[in-house]
Amino acid sequence: MAALPDALTRRLPRLPFPYSAPSVPGGVDVPEAPPRSGPDYDTDWARRYPARLARAALVETVGRGLVTALARPRVSGLDRLDALVDRDGPVIFAANHHSHVDTPVLLTAIPDAWRHTLFVAGAADYFFRTRLTSAVSALAIGAIPIERTRVSRRSADRSAELIDAGWSMLIFPEGGRSPDGWGQPFHGGAAYLALRCGVPVVPIHLHGTGRILRKGKRWPTPATATVTFGAPLLPDPGDTARRLSAAIQRAVEALADEATTDWWSARRRAHAGASPALTGPSAPAWRRAWALGDGRGRRRRQRRRWPEV
């Protein structure tokens, strides 16, 4: 029965041009239509002036209103970015990742100097699955498709071209949202692009967004989120992507300690290389959940010590 419509379609008379597509002369190669979803989706249109204007309006009205209603974010550490304002160039913002709320929170928290010339590294297999999600992701948050299921130079080349053109980047080096409230090891994409393009990396720690909309949850629950900006990391000529990626992860870990304890104690531990790891203790799932805090996911404010296992 499924073949019946196709058979009927073939019997219908073909309308002449211009009511249907023109015929193609023999021997002429027809160019392939541009991809409308997936990792090859073309997002150049989203950086033209009309799209940029629409995105700025969405971020400053609808986006900011939703973020204020859901997250009520407390932002700290912006003074650490003062040196970059005079530098007048693109920046890579690298943050931990717990929730789909993370992106809109950061799009409203990142200072004006970079907010409206910013693109987001979005997972091609999630944000660019269909034509509709591809268009919405490119327009609303300025996302470009990044392949996370396999290593590809195409994503890196696309990102590097935008950074070289003066666009800043927001990336989540973990590659995906936290499955259990703890962080995941950082991948080297942010470090590689910083070395390749010669731009600084600003580490960011997000706390509390997992309580709003954690992975697997359908509806958000309002809660207070904290955004902590760290001091920019400037890549040295002798750095490797592995070494710089480890430095970015350590910086975010120190910011996490700062956000959940106090600034002085966190800085002392960071100086001693003793900041608690984002990935949490190596233990069974119930002990990892216990180490996070109480049943609502709040972390205890005192100095954190992993349970003896």
Protein backbone atom coordinates (compact mmCIF):
# COMPACT_ATOMS: atom_id res chain seq x y z
CA MET A 1 0.00 0.00 0.00
CA ALA A 2 2.92 2.33 0.63
CA ALA A 3 3.89 2.24 -3.06
CA LEU A 4 0.44 3.34 -4.29
CA PRO A 5 0.96 7.11 -3.88
CA ASP A 6 4.26 6.95 -5.80
CA ALA A 7 2.59 5.05 -8.64
CA LEU A 8 -0.18 7.60 -8.84
CA THR A 9 2.33 10.45 -8.78
CA ARG A 10 4.21 9.01 -11.75
CA ARG A 11 0.99 8.90 -13.80
CA LEU A 12 0.09 12.51 -13.19
CA PRO A 13 1.00 14.88 -16.05
CA ARG A 14 4.11 16.97 -15.43
CA LEU A 15 3.42 20.70 -15.33
CA PRO A 16 5.49 22.86 -17.68
CA PHE A 17 8.10 25.39 -16.55
CA PRO A 18 7.79 27.74 -14.63
CA TYR A 19 5.22 25.73 -12.63
CA SER A 20 7.80 22.98 -12.06
CA ALA A 21 11.57 22.71 -12.09
CA PRO A 22 13.17 23.11 -15.53
CA SER A 23 14.63 20.11 -17.26
CA VAL A 24 18.38 19.59 -17.20
CA PRO A 25 20.19 19.17 -20.54
CA GLY A 26 22.07 15.93 -21.01
CA GLY A 27 25.73 16.04 -20.01
CA VAL A 28 25.24 18.80 -17.43
CA ASP A 29 26.18 17.97 -13.84
CA VAL A 30 23.54 19.16 -11.42
CA PRO A 31 25.12 20.68 -8.28
CA GLU A 32 24.15 19.08 -5.02
CA ALA A 33 21.66 20.96 -2.89
CA PRO A 34 23.23 22.48 0.25
CA PRO A 35 22.69 20.33 3.37
CA ARG A 36 19.73 21.45 5.45
CA SER A 37 20.69 19.69 8.69
CA GLY A 38 23.52 17.79 10.33
CA PRO A 39 27.24 18.59 10.53
CA ASP A 40 27.29 20.12 7.02
CA TYR A 41 24.57 22.65 7.74
CA ASP A 42 25.59 26.11 6.48
CA THR A 43 25.23 28.71 9.24
CA ASP A 44 26.80 31.65 7.41
CA TRP A 45 23.39 33.29 7.05
CA ALA A 46 23.11 33.45 10.85
CA ARG A 47 26.05 35.90 11.00
CA ARG A 48 24.62 38.37 8.52
CA TYR A 49 23.29 41.62 9.90
CA PRO A 50 19.51 40.83 9.85
CA ALA A 51 20.04 37.53 11.70
CA ARG A 52 22.44 39.17 14.19
CA LEU A 53 19.88 41.89 14.88
CA ALA A 54 17.12 39.33 15.42
CA ARG A 55 19.35 37.23 17.70
CA ALA A 56 20.33 40.26 19.80
CA ALA A 57 16.67 41.14 20.21
CA LEU A 58 15.82 37.56 21.25
CA VAL A 59 18.69 37.35 23.75
CA GLU A 60 17.99 40.72 25.36
CA THR A 61 14.20 40.28 25.61
CA VAL A 62 12.90 36.71 25.62
CA GLY A 63 16.20 35.09 26.62
CA ARG A 64 16.99 37.49 29.45
CA GLY A 65 13.43 37.29 30.75
CA LEU A 66 13.45 33.49 30.86
CA VAL A 67 16.90 33.37 32.46
CA THR A 68 15.83 35.85 35.13
CA ALA A 69 12.65 33.88 35.85
CA LEU A 70 14.34 30.46 35.99
CA ALA A 71 17.91 31.02 37.15
CA ARG A 72 18.19 34.43 38.82
CA PRO A 73 21.94 34.18 38.10
CA ARG A 74 24.58 35.63 40.38
CA VAL A 75 27.60 36.63 38.31
CA SER A 76 31.07 37.13 39.76
CA GLY A 77 34.61 37.48 38.44
CA LEU A 78 33.84 39.95 35.64
CA ASP A 79 36.65 42.18 36.89
CA ARG A 80 39.08 39.46 35.79
CA LEU A 81 38.16 40.23 32.16
CA ASP A 82 39.11 43.93 32.32
CA ALA A 83 42.48 43.30 30.68
CA LEU A 84 40.76 41.67 27.69
CA VAL A 85 38.53 44.68 26.97
CA ASP A 86 41.58 46.69 25.92
CA ARG A 87 42.91 43.74 23.92
CA ASP A 88 40.05 44.11 21.40
CA GLY A 89 39.95 40.62 19.94
CA PRO A 90 38.07 37.33 20.04
CA VAL A 91 38.00 35.11 23.11
CA ILE A 92 37.17 31.46 23.74
CA PHE A 93 34.82 31.00 26.70
CA ALA A 94 35.08 27.46 28.12
CA ALA A 95 32.54 26.32 30.72
CA ASN A 96 31.41 23.18 32.50
CA HIS A 97 28.09 21.76 31.34
CA HIS A 98 25.13 20.51 33.41
CA SER A 99 22.00 21.69 31.63
CA HIS A 100 20.42 23.12 28.48
CA VAL A 101 19.95 26.22 30.61
CA ASP A 102 23.72 26.77 30.57
CA THR A 103 23.78 28.37 27.12
CA PRO A 104 21.07 31.01 27.65
CA VAL A 105 22.50 31.83 31.09
CA LEU A 106 25.92 32.46 29.59
CA LEU A 107 24.56 34.33 26.57
CA THR A 108 23.12 36.87 29.00
CA ALA A 109 26.08 36.85 31.43
CA ILE A 110 28.98 37.29 29.00
CA PRO A 111 29.83 41.02 28.78
CA ASP A 112 28.64 43.20 25.90
CA ALA A 113 32.14 43.37 24.43
CA TRP A 114 31.73 39.77 23.18
CA ARG A 115 28.04 38.86 23.63
CA HIS A 116 26.79 39.87 20.21
CA THR A 117 29.80 38.62 18.24
CA LEU A 118 29.68 35.16 19.76
CA PHE A 119 29.03 31.73 18.29
CA VAL A 120 28.23 28.58 20.23
CA ALA A 121 29.69 25.14 19.57
CA GLY A 122 26.56 22.99 19.29
CA ALA A 123 26.42 19.21 18.99
CA ALA A 124 25.53 18.38 15.39
CA ASP A 125 23.70 15.21 16.41
CA TYR A 126 21.42 17.13 18.79
CA PHE A 127 20.95 20.76 17.76
CA PHE A 128 21.19 20.10 14.03
CA ARG A 129 19.16 16.92 13.69
CA THR A 130 16.41 18.43 11.51
CA ARG A 131 15.91 21.46 9.30
CA LEU A 132 13.84 23.15 11.99
CA THR A 133 16.24 22.57 14.91
CA SER A 134 19.17 23.58 12.70
CA ALA A 135 17.59 26.91 11.75
CA VAL A 136 16.44 27.66 15.31
CA SER A 137 19.85 26.81 16.81
CA ALA A 138 21.72 28.93 14.28
CA LEU A 139 19.41 31.91 14.67
CA ALA A 140 18.55 31.91 18.38
CA ILE A 141 21.97 31.10 19.91
CA GLY A 142 24.34 31.51 16.95
CA ALA A 143 25.31 27.83 17.06
CA ILE A 144 27.48 26.03 14.53
CA PRO A 145 27.44 22.22 14.20
CA ILE A 146 30.27 20.40 15.95
CA GLU A 147 30.73 16.67 15.46
CA ARG A 148 31.21 14.91 18.78
CA THR A 149 30.69 11.31 17.64
CA ARG A 150 33.94 11.24 15.67
CA VAL A 151 37.10 13.29 15.23
CA SER A 152 36.76 15.69 12.30
CA ARG A 153 38.89 18.59 11.11
CA ARG A 154 35.82 20.11 9.45
CA SER A 155 34.42 21.36 12.77
CA ALA A 156 37.79 22.71 13.87
CA ASP A 157 38.39 24.47 10.55
CA ARG A 158 34.94 26.07 10.64
CA SER A 159 35.49 27.31 14.19
CA ALA A 160 38.99 28.59 13.42
CA GLU A 161 37.73 30.56 10.42
CA LEU A 162 35.15 32.33 12.57
CA ILE A 163 37.65 33.10 15.32
CA ASP A 164 40.10 34.47 12.77
CA ALA A 165 37.26 36.65 11.43
CA GLY A 166 36.81 38.21 14.90
CA TRP A 167 34.06 36.03 16.39
CA SER A 168 34.35 34.81 19.98
CA MET A 169 33.40 31.25 20.87
CA LEU A 170 31.42 29.60 23.67
CA ILE A 171 32.31 25.94 24.08
CA PHE A 172 31.62 23.23 26.65
CA PRO A 173 34.80 21.11 26.66
CA GLU A 174 33.07 18.19 28.39
CA GLY A 175 31.27 17.51 25.11
CA GLY A 176 27.87 16.96 26.73
CA ARG A 177 25.77 17.53 29.82
CA SER A 178 26.67 15.87 33.10
CA PRO A 179 24.84 12.55 33.51
CA ASP A 180 24.95 12.52 37.33
CA GLY A 181 25.69 16.04 38.57
CA TRP A 182 29.47 15.65 38.53
CA GLY A 183 31.68 16.96 35.76
CA GLN A 184 33.34 14.99 32.98
CA PRO A 185 36.94 15.15 31.69
CA PHE A 186 37.58 18.03 29.30
CA HIS A 187 38.27 17.35 25.64
CA GLY A 188 41.00 19.29 23.87
CA GLY A 189 38.94 21.30 21.34
CA ALA A 190 39.07 24.62 23.19
CA ALA A 191 42.81 24.28 23.83
CA TYR A 192 43.53 23.32 20.22
CA LEU A 193 41.65 26.32 18.85
CA ALA A 194 43.30 28.69 21.35
CA LEU A 195 46.74 27.53 20.23
CA ARG A 196 45.84 27.52 16.54
CA CYS A 197 44.27 30.99 16.56
CA GLY A 198 46.41 32.56 19.28
CA VAL A 199 43.48 33.72 21.43
CA PRO A 200 42.95 33.59 25.22
CA VAL A 201 40.64 31.15 26.96
CA VAL A 202 38.32 32.39 29.71
CA PRO A 203 37.36 29.55 32.09
CA ILE A 204 33.82 29.71 33.47
CA HIS A 205 32.12 27.68 36.15
CA LEU A 206 28.34 27.26 36.29
CA HIS A 207 26.73 26.12 39.52
CA GLY A 208 23.05 25.39 40.13
CA THR A 209 21.84 24.96 36.55
CA GLY A 210 21.56 21.21 37.08
CA ARG A 211 18.86 21.85 39.69
CA ILE A 212 16.91 23.87 37.13
CA LEU A 213 16.95 21.41 34.24
CA ARG A 214 19.25 18.43 34.64
CA LYS A 215 19.80 15.87 31.92
CA GLY A 216 16.74 13.66 31.52
CA LYS A 217 14.36 16.19 33.09
CA ARG A 218 11.53 17.56 30.92
CA TRP A 219 10.37 20.66 32.79
CA PRO A 220 12.52 23.29 34.50
CA THR A 221 12.36 24.15 38.18
CA PRO A 222 13.36 27.71 39.14
CA ALA A 223 16.52 27.89 41.25
CA THR A 224 19.46 30.22 41.73
CA ALA A 225 22.46 29.75 39.45
CA THR A 226 25.98 31.08 39.93
CA VAL A 227 28.30 32.09 37.09
CA THR A 228 31.97 32.55 38.00
CA PHE A 229 34.40 33.93 35.44
CA GLY A 230 38.08 33.07 35.81
CA ALA A 231 41.25 34.84 34.80
CA PRO A 232 42.05 34.49 31.08
CA LEU A 233 44.57 31.83 30.12
CA LEU A 234 46.98 32.97 27.42
CA PRO A 235 48.54 30.08 25.50
CA ASP A 236 52.33 30.01 25.39
CA PRO A 237 54.13 29.20 22.13
CA GLY A 238 55.52 25.99 23.65
CA ASP A 239 52.15 24.77 24.97
CA THR A 240 50.49 21.65 23.66
CA ALA A 241 46.74 21.12 23.38
CA ARG A 242 46.89 18.43 26.06
CA ARG A 243 48.73 20.65 28.53
CA LEU A 244 46.51 23.68 27.90
CA SER A 245 43.35 21.58 28.14
CA ALA A 246 44.48 20.30 31.54
CA ALA A 247 45.15 23.89 32.63
CA ILE A 248 41.63 24.92 31.56
CA GLN A 249 40.10 22.07 33.54
CA ARG A 250 42.15 22.94 36.62
CA ALA A 251 41.03 26.58 36.34
CA VAL A 252 37.35 25.56 36.17
CA GLU A 253 37.88 23.23 39.15
CA ALA A 254 39.33 26.12 41.15
CA LEU A 255 36.31 28.26 40.22
CA ALA A 256 33.97 25.46 41.31
CA ASP A 257 35.73 25.36 44.68
CA GLU A 258 35.45 29.16 44.91
CA ALA A 259 31.71 29.08 44.14
CA THR A 260 30.89 26.39 46.70
CA THR A 261 33.21 27.39 49.58
CA ASP A 262 34.94 30.76 49.90
CA TRP A 263 37.40 32.72 47.79
CA TRP A 264 40.39 32.63 50.16
CA SER A 265 40.27 28.91 50.92
CA ALA A 266 39.68 28.08 47.26
CA ARG A 267 42.66 30.17 46.13
CA ARG A 268 44.92 28.51 48.70
CA ARG A 269 43.90 25.05 47.49
CA ALA A 270 44.32 26.09 43.87
CA HIS A 271 47.82 27.39 44.59
CA ALA A 272 48.67 24.07 46.24
CA GLY A 273 47.14 22.11 43.35
CA ALA A 274 44.56 20.63 45.71
CA SER A 275 41.28 21.87 44.22
CA PRO A 276 38.59 19.13 44.29
CA ALA A 277 38.16 17.49 40.90
CA LEU A 278 35.11 18.28 38.80
CA THR A 279 34.67 14.58 38.10
CA GLY A 280 34.09 13.75 41.76
CA PRO A 281 35.16 10.66 43.68
CA SER A 282 35.78 7.35 41.99
CA ALA A 283 33.01 5.43 43.72
CA PRO A 284 29.65 3.72 43.12
CA ALA A 285 26.77 5.87 41.90
CA TRP A 286 25.08 6.15 45.30
CA ARG A 287 28.26 7.42 46.94
CA ARG A 288 28.81 9.93 44.15
CA ALA A 289 25.25 11.18 44.69
CA TRP A 290 25.85 11.32 48.45
CA ALA A 291 29.06 13.33 47.96
CA LEU A 292 27.17 15.96 45.96
CA GLY A 293 25.11 16.94 49.00
CA ASP A 294 21.48 16.45 49.97
CA GLY A 295 18.66 15.07 47.87
CA ARG A 296 18.02 18.40 46.16
CA GLY A 297 21.57 18.47 44.79
CA ARG A 298 22.90 21.26 47.01
CA ARG A 299 26.57 21.04 47.81
CA ARG A 300 27.72 21.65 51.32
CA ARG A 301 29.45 24.95 51.90
CA GLN A 302 32.32 23.64 54.01
CA ARG A 303 35.53 22.27 52.63
CA ARG A 304 34.67 19.20 50.60
CA ARG A 305 36.23 15.86 51.42
CA TRP A 306 35.42 12.74 49.46
CA PRO A 307 34.22 9.78 51.53
CA GLU A 308 36.69 7.04 52.25
CA VAL A 309 36.02 4.21 49.79
